[in-house]
Amino acid sequence: QVQLVESGGGLVQPGGSLRLSCVASGTINSINVMGWYRQAPGKQRELVAHITRLGTVTYTDSVKGRFTISRDNAKNTVYLQMNSLKPEDTAVYYCKAESYRGTYNWGQGTQVTVSS
């Protein structure tokens, strides 16, 4: 089993930046992909970005050029650097860890609010 703890959310003005962190514990050697998803009120949870253990990254189109995902395997941590934030980025952001077998675990979520 893998446990995930997110941090770094908060309130920021449009155009500002935030950095989210997600620390994994438990059976961490089973983790292949780590990623960030978000869910806005009344909307489905959607992929923001994910990164494989070897460093292959994928971004959803709406965050390309603004968000950067990175991973420190030694610290069992995945980061999401969010720049040029927009009001439409407001959501609860969840960390997800997917094993090589295809099983996955979610963090508890961290709120990101972009508002003036």
N, C-alpha and C. Protein backbone atom coordinates (compact mmCIF):
# COMPACT_ATOMS: atom_id res chain seq x y z
N GLN A 1 0.84 -1.19 0.00
CA GLN A 1 0.00 0.00 0.00
C GLN A 1 0.88 1.25 0.00
N VAL A 2 0.38 2.27 -0.67
CA VAL A 2 1.11 3.54 -0.78
C VAL A 2 0.27 4.63 -0.14
N GLN A 3 0.91 5.46 0.66
CA GLN A 3 0.25 6.62 1.24
C GLN A 3 0.84 7.89 0.61
N LEU A 4 -0.04 8.85 0.33
CA LEU A 4 0.37 10.09 -0.33
C LEU A 4 -0.09 11.28 0.49
N VAL A 5 0.80 12.24 0.69
CA VAL A 5 0.45 13.45 1.43
C VAL A 5 0.84 14.66 0.59
N GLU A 6 -0.17 15.46 0.24
CA GLU A 6 0.06 16.66 -0.56
C GLU A 6 0.21 17.88 0.32
N SER A 7 0.89 18.89 -0.21
CA SER A 7 1.00 20.17 0.47
C SER A 7 1.27 21.24 -0.57
N GLY A 8 1.10 22.51 -0.15
CA GLY A 8 1.47 23.61 -1.01
C GLY A 8 0.31 24.38 -1.63
N GLY A 9 -0.90 23.94 -1.41
CA GLY A 9 -2.02 24.68 -1.96
C GLY A 9 -2.25 25.99 -1.23
N GLY A 10 -3.19 26.78 -1.74
CA GLY A 10 -3.49 28.04 -1.09
C GLY A 10 -4.21 28.99 -2.01
N LEU A 11 -4.28 30.25 -1.58
CA LEU A 11 -4.92 31.31 -2.34
C LEU A 11 -3.85 32.16 -3.01
N VAL A 12 -4.02 32.41 -4.29
CA VAL A 12 -3.05 33.19 -5.04
C VAL A 12 -3.79 34.07 -6.03
N GLN A 13 -3.22 35.22 -6.36
CA GLN A 13 -3.83 36.10 -7.34
C GLN A 13 -3.56 35.60 -8.75
N PRO A 14 -4.41 35.96 -9.70
CA PRO A 14 -4.14 35.60 -11.10
C PRO A 14 -2.76 36.07 -11.53
N GLY A 15 -2.05 35.20 -12.24
CA GLY A 15 -0.69 35.49 -12.65
C GLY A 15 0.36 35.03 -11.66
N GLY A 16 -0.08 34.62 -10.48
CA GLY A 16 0.85 34.17 -9.46
C GLY A 16 1.30 32.73 -9.64
N SER A 17 2.07 32.27 -8.65
CA SER A 17 2.65 30.93 -8.71
C SER A 17 2.43 30.19 -7.40
N LEU A 18 2.37 28.87 -7.52
CA LEU A 18 2.34 27.97 -6.37
C LEU A 18 3.13 26.73 -6.72
N ARG A 19 3.64 26.09 -5.70
CA ARG A 19 4.34 24.81 -5.89
C ARG A 19 3.71 23.77 -4.98
N LEU A 20 3.18 22.72 -5.61
CA LEU A 20 2.59 21.62 -4.86
C LEU A 20 3.63 20.51 -4.69
N SER A 21 3.56 19.84 -3.55
CA SER A 21 4.43 18.70 -3.28
C SER A 21 3.58 17.51 -2.86
N CYS A 22 4.05 16.33 -3.19
CA CYS A 22 3.36 15.10 -2.79
C CYS A 22 4.43 14.09 -2.38
N VAL A 23 4.39 13.69 -1.12
CA VAL A 23 5.36 12.72 -0.61
C VAL A 23 4.70 11.36 -0.49
N ALA A 24 5.36 10.36 -1.02
CA ALA A 24 4.85 8.99 -0.97
C ALA A 24 5.57 8.19 0.10
N SER A 25 4.84 7.30 0.74
CA SER A 25 5.42 6.38 1.70
C SER A 25 4.74 5.02 1.54
N GLY A 26 5.33 4.01 2.14
CA GLY A 26 4.80 2.66 2.02
C GLY A 26 5.60 1.87 1.00
N THR A 27 4.90 1.13 0.13
CA THR A 27 5.57 0.29 -0.86
C THR A 27 5.95 1.13 -2.07
N ILE A 28 6.89 2.04 -1.85
CA ILE A 28 7.23 3.03 -2.87
C ILE A 28 7.94 2.43 -4.07
N ASN A 29 8.62 1.31 -3.90
CA ASN A 29 9.32 0.71 -5.04
C ASN A 29 8.36 0.18 -6.09
N SER A 30 7.08 0.07 -5.73
CA SER A 30 6.08 -0.41 -6.68
C SER A 30 5.55 0.70 -7.57
N ILE A 31 5.89 1.95 -7.25
CA ILE A 31 5.33 3.09 -7.97
C ILE A 31 6.03 3.30 -9.30
N ASN A 32 5.23 3.40 -10.38
CA ASN A 32 5.77 3.75 -11.69
C ASN A 32 5.43 5.21 -12.00
N VAL A 33 4.16 5.49 -12.12
CA VAL A 33 3.72 6.83 -12.52
C VAL A 33 3.21 7.60 -11.31
N MET A 34 3.62 8.86 -11.21
CA MET A 34 3.05 9.77 -10.22
C MET A 34 2.49 10.97 -10.96
N GLY A 35 1.34 11.43 -10.51
CA GLY A 35 0.72 12.52 -11.24
C GLY A 35 -0.15 13.41 -10.39
N TRP A 36 -0.58 14.47 -11.02
CA TRP A 36 -1.49 15.43 -10.40
C TRP A 36 -2.78 15.49 -11.20
N TYR A 37 -3.87 15.44 -10.50
CA TYR A 37 -5.19 15.59 -11.07
C TYR A 37 -5.87 16.75 -10.34
N ARG A 38 -6.93 17.27 -10.93
CA ARG A 38 -7.67 18.33 -10.25
C ARG A 38 -9.17 18.16 -10.49
N GLN A 39 -9.93 18.67 -9.53
CA GLN A 39 -11.38 18.61 -9.64
C GLN A 39 -11.96 19.93 -9.17
N ALA A 40 -12.61 20.62 -10.11
CA ALA A 40 -13.29 21.87 -9.80
C ALA A 40 -14.73 21.56 -9.41
N PRO A 41 -15.38 22.46 -8.69
CA PRO A 41 -16.77 22.22 -8.28
C PRO A 41 -17.67 21.94 -9.48
N GLY A 42 -18.42 20.85 -9.39
CA GLY A 42 -19.35 20.51 -10.45
C GLY A 42 -18.73 19.88 -11.68
N LYS A 43 -17.43 19.62 -11.62
CA LYS A 43 -16.74 19.04 -12.78
C LYS A 43 -16.09 17.71 -12.40
N GLN A 44 -15.76 16.93 -13.42
CA GLN A 44 -15.09 15.66 -13.19
C GLN A 44 -13.61 15.89 -12.90
N ARG A 45 -13.04 14.93 -12.18
CA ARG A 45 -11.61 15.00 -11.94
C ARG A 45 -10.88 14.81 -13.26
N GLU A 46 -9.84 15.61 -13.49
CA GLU A 46 -9.10 15.55 -14.75
C GLU A 46 -7.60 15.50 -14.50
N LEU A 47 -6.91 14.89 -15.44
CA LEU A 47 -5.45 14.84 -15.38
C LEU A 47 -4.88 16.23 -15.61
N VAL A 48 -3.91 16.61 -14.79
CA VAL A 48 -3.13 17.83 -15.01
C VAL A 48 -1.80 17.46 -15.66
N ALA A 49 -1.07 16.57 -15.00
CA ALA A 49 0.23 16.13 -15.52
C ALA A 49 0.63 14.85 -14.80
N HIS A 50 1.43 14.02 -15.48
CA HIS A 50 2.02 12.88 -14.78
C HIS A 50 3.41 12.61 -15.31
N ILE A 51 4.16 11.88 -14.51
CA ILE A 51 5.57 11.61 -14.82
C ILE A 51 5.89 10.18 -14.41
N THR A 52 6.58 9.49 -15.29
CA THR A 52 6.96 8.11 -15.00
C THR A 52 8.24 8.10 -14.16
N ARG A 53 8.58 6.92 -13.64
CA ARG A 53 9.79 6.80 -12.84
C ARG A 53 11.02 7.19 -13.66
N LEU A 54 10.98 6.95 -14.96
CA LEU A 54 12.13 7.29 -15.81
C LEU A 54 12.09 8.73 -16.30
N GLY A 55 11.02 9.46 -15.97
CA GLY A 55 11.00 10.88 -16.28
C GLY A 55 10.18 11.30 -17.48
N THR A 56 9.45 10.40 -18.08
CA THR A 56 8.58 10.78 -19.20
C THR A 56 7.37 11.54 -18.66
N VAL A 57 7.11 12.71 -19.23
CA VAL A 57 6.04 13.56 -18.70
C VAL A 57 4.92 13.75 -19.72
N THR A 58 3.74 13.99 -19.19
CA THR A 58 2.55 14.29 -19.99
C THR A 58 1.81 15.42 -19.31
N TYR A 59 1.33 16.38 -20.11
CA TYR A 59 0.55 17.51 -19.59
C TYR A 59 -0.77 17.60 -20.33
N THR A 60 -1.79 18.03 -19.63
CA THR A 60 -3.01 18.38 -20.33
C THR A 60 -2.77 19.70 -21.05
N ASP A 61 -3.47 19.92 -22.16
CA ASP A 61 -3.18 21.07 -23.02
C ASP A 61 -3.30 22.41 -22.30
N SER A 62 -4.26 22.52 -21.39
CA SER A 62 -4.53 23.81 -20.77
C SER A 62 -3.42 24.30 -19.84
N VAL A 63 -2.50 23.42 -19.46
CA VAL A 63 -1.43 23.85 -18.53
C VAL A 63 -0.06 23.85 -19.20
N LYS A 64 0.03 23.42 -20.43
CA LYS A 64 1.32 23.39 -21.12
C LYS A 64 1.92 24.78 -21.19
N GLY A 65 3.21 24.86 -20.84
CA GLY A 65 3.89 26.14 -20.85
C GLY A 65 3.75 26.91 -19.56
N ARG A 66 2.85 26.49 -18.69
CA ARG A 66 2.65 27.18 -17.41
C ARG A 66 3.01 26.31 -16.20
N PHE A 67 2.73 25.03 -16.29
CA PHE A 67 2.98 24.10 -15.19
C PHE A 67 4.16 23.20 -15.53
N THR A 68 4.90 22.83 -14.50
CA THR A 68 6.01 21.90 -14.68
C THR A 68 5.94 20.82 -13.59
N ILE A 69 5.90 19.57 -14.02
CA ILE A 69 5.93 18.46 -13.07
C ILE A 69 7.36 17.92 -12.98
N SER A 70 7.76 17.58 -11.79
CA SER A 70 9.08 16.99 -11.60
C SER A 70 9.01 15.96 -10.48
N ARG A 71 10.05 15.17 -10.40
CA ARG A 71 10.01 14.05 -9.45
C ARG A 71 11.40 13.82 -8.89
N ASP A 72 11.47 13.60 -7.59
CA ASP A 72 12.72 13.26 -6.93
C ASP A 72 12.54 11.86 -6.35
N ASN A 73 13.04 10.86 -7.05
CA ASN A 73 12.85 9.48 -6.63
C ASN A 73 13.53 9.20 -5.29
N ALA A 74 14.63 9.88 -5.02
CA ALA A 74 15.34 9.66 -3.76
C ALA A 74 14.50 10.14 -2.57
N LYS A 75 13.68 11.17 -2.80
CA LYS A 75 12.83 11.71 -1.74
C LYS A 75 11.40 11.22 -1.84
N ASN A 76 11.13 10.35 -2.82
CA ASN A 76 9.77 9.82 -3.02
C ASN A 76 8.75 10.94 -3.15
N THR A 77 9.12 11.98 -3.87
CA THR A 77 8.31 13.19 -3.93
C THR A 77 8.10 13.61 -5.37
N VAL A 78 6.89 14.06 -5.66
CA VAL A 78 6.57 14.65 -6.95
C VAL A 78 6.11 16.08 -6.70
N TYR A 79 6.52 16.98 -7.60
CA TYR A 79 6.22 18.39 -7.46
C TYR A 79 5.40 18.87 -8.67
N LEU A 80 4.64 19.91 -8.44
CA LEU A 80 3.96 20.59 -9.54
C LEU A 80 4.18 22.09 -9.35
N GLN A 81 5.03 22.64 -10.20
CA GLN A 81 5.27 24.08 -10.20
C GLN A 81 4.23 24.73 -11.12
N MET A 82 3.42 25.60 -10.56
CA MET A 82 2.34 26.23 -11.31
C MET A 82 2.61 27.72 -11.42
N ASN A 83 2.81 28.19 -12.63
CA ASN A 83 3.06 29.60 -12.90
C ASN A 83 1.93 30.17 -13.74
N SER A 84 1.85 31.49 -13.77
CA SER A 84 0.83 32.18 -14.56
C SER A 84 -0.55 31.62 -14.29
N LEU A 85 -0.87 31.48 -13.03
CA LEU A 85 -2.13 30.86 -12.65
C LEU A 85 -3.33 31.70 -13.09
N LYS A 86 -4.38 31.00 -13.45
CA LYS A 86 -5.62 31.62 -13.92
C LYS A 86 -6.77 31.21 -12.99
N PRO A 87 -7.83 32.01 -12.96
CA PRO A 87 -8.98 31.62 -12.14
C PRO A 87 -9.51 30.22 -12.47
N GLU A 88 -9.42 29.83 -13.73
CA GLU A 88 -9.92 28.51 -14.12
C GLU A 88 -9.03 27.37 -13.63
N ASP A 89 -7.90 27.68 -13.04
CA ASP A 89 -7.07 26.64 -12.41
C ASP A 89 -7.56 26.32 -10.99
N THR A 90 -8.52 27.08 -10.51
CA THR A 90 -9.05 26.82 -9.17
C THR A 90 -9.69 25.44 -9.10
N ALA A 91 -9.23 24.65 -8.13
CA ALA A 91 -9.71 23.28 -7.98
C ALA A 91 -9.04 22.65 -6.76
N VAL A 92 -9.52 21.49 -6.40
CA VAL A 92 -8.78 20.64 -5.46
C VAL A 92 -7.82 19.80 -6.29
N TYR A 93 -6.55 19.83 -5.92
CA TYR A 93 -5.53 19.10 -6.65
C TYR A 93 -5.17 17.84 -5.86
N TYR A 94 -5.19 16.72 -6.59
CA TYR A 94 -4.93 15.42 -5.98
C TYR A 94 -3.68 14.79 -6.57
N CYS A 95 -2.91 14.18 -5.73
CA CYS A 95 -1.76 13.40 -6.17
C CYS A 95 -2.19 11.95 -6.35
N LYS A 96 -1.66 11.31 -7.37
CA LYS A 96 -1.98 9.91 -7.64
C LYS A 96 -0.69 9.15 -7.90
N ALA A 97 -0.60 7.97 -7.33
CA ALA A 97 0.55 7.09 -7.57
C ALA A 97 0.04 5.79 -8.17
N GLU A 98 0.61 5.39 -9.29
CA GLU A 98 0.18 4.18 -9.99
C GLU A 98 1.32 3.17 -10.01
N SER A 99 1.01 1.95 -9.65
CA SER A 99 2.04 0.92 -9.59
C SER A 99 2.26 0.30 -10.97
N TYR A 100 3.31 -0.50 -11.06
CA TYR A 100 3.59 -1.23 -12.30
C TYR A 100 2.49 -2.23 -12.62
N ARG A 101 1.75 -2.64 -11.60
CA ARG A 101 0.65 -3.61 -11.82
C ARG A 101 -0.64 -2.92 -12.22
N GLY A 102 -0.64 -1.58 -12.16
CA GLY A 102 -1.84 -0.85 -12.55
C GLY A 102 -2.73 -0.43 -11.39
N THR A 103 -2.37 -0.83 -10.18
CA THR A 103 -3.14 -0.36 -9.02
C THR A 103 -2.72 1.08 -8.70
N TYR A 104 -3.57 1.80 -7.99
CA TYR A 104 -3.25 3.20 -7.73
C TYR A 104 -3.81 3.65 -6.39
N ASN A 105 -3.24 4.75 -5.93
CA ASN A 105 -3.65 5.37 -4.67
C ASN A 105 -3.74 6.88 -4.86
N TRP A 106 -4.63 7.48 -4.09
CA TRP A 106 -4.83 8.93 -4.14
C TRP A 106 -4.44 9.59 -2.83
N GLY A 107 -3.99 10.84 -2.94
CA GLY A 107 -3.81 11.65 -1.75
C GLY A 107 -5.13 12.26 -1.34
N GLN A 108 -5.09 13.05 -0.27
CA GLN A 108 -6.32 13.62 0.28
C GLN A 108 -6.75 14.89 -0.44
N GLY A 109 -5.86 15.46 -1.23
CA GLY A 109 -6.18 16.67 -1.98
C GLY A 109 -5.74 17.94 -1.27
N THR A 110 -5.44 18.95 -2.08
CA THR A 110 -5.07 20.26 -1.54
C THR A 110 -5.76 21.33 -2.40
N GLN A 111 -6.35 22.30 -1.74
CA GLN A 111 -7.13 23.32 -2.45
C GLN A 111 -6.22 24.39 -3.04
N VAL A 112 -6.46 24.69 -4.31
CA VAL A 112 -5.80 25.81 -4.98
C VAL A 112 -6.89 26.77 -5.44
N THR A 113 -6.80 28.01 -4.99
CA THR A 113 -7.77 29.04 -5.36
C THR A 113 -7.04 30.20 -5.98
N VAL A 114 -7.45 30.54 -7.20
CA VAL A 114 -6.85 31.67 -7.93
C VAL A 114 -7.91 32.76 -8.03
N SER A 115 -7.68 33.83 -7.32
CA SER A 115 -8.69 34.89 -7.25
C SER A 115 -8.04 36.20 -6.82
N SER A 116 -8.58 37.29 -7.34
CA SER A 116 -8.11 38.61 -6.92
C SER A 116 -8.96 39.15 -5.77
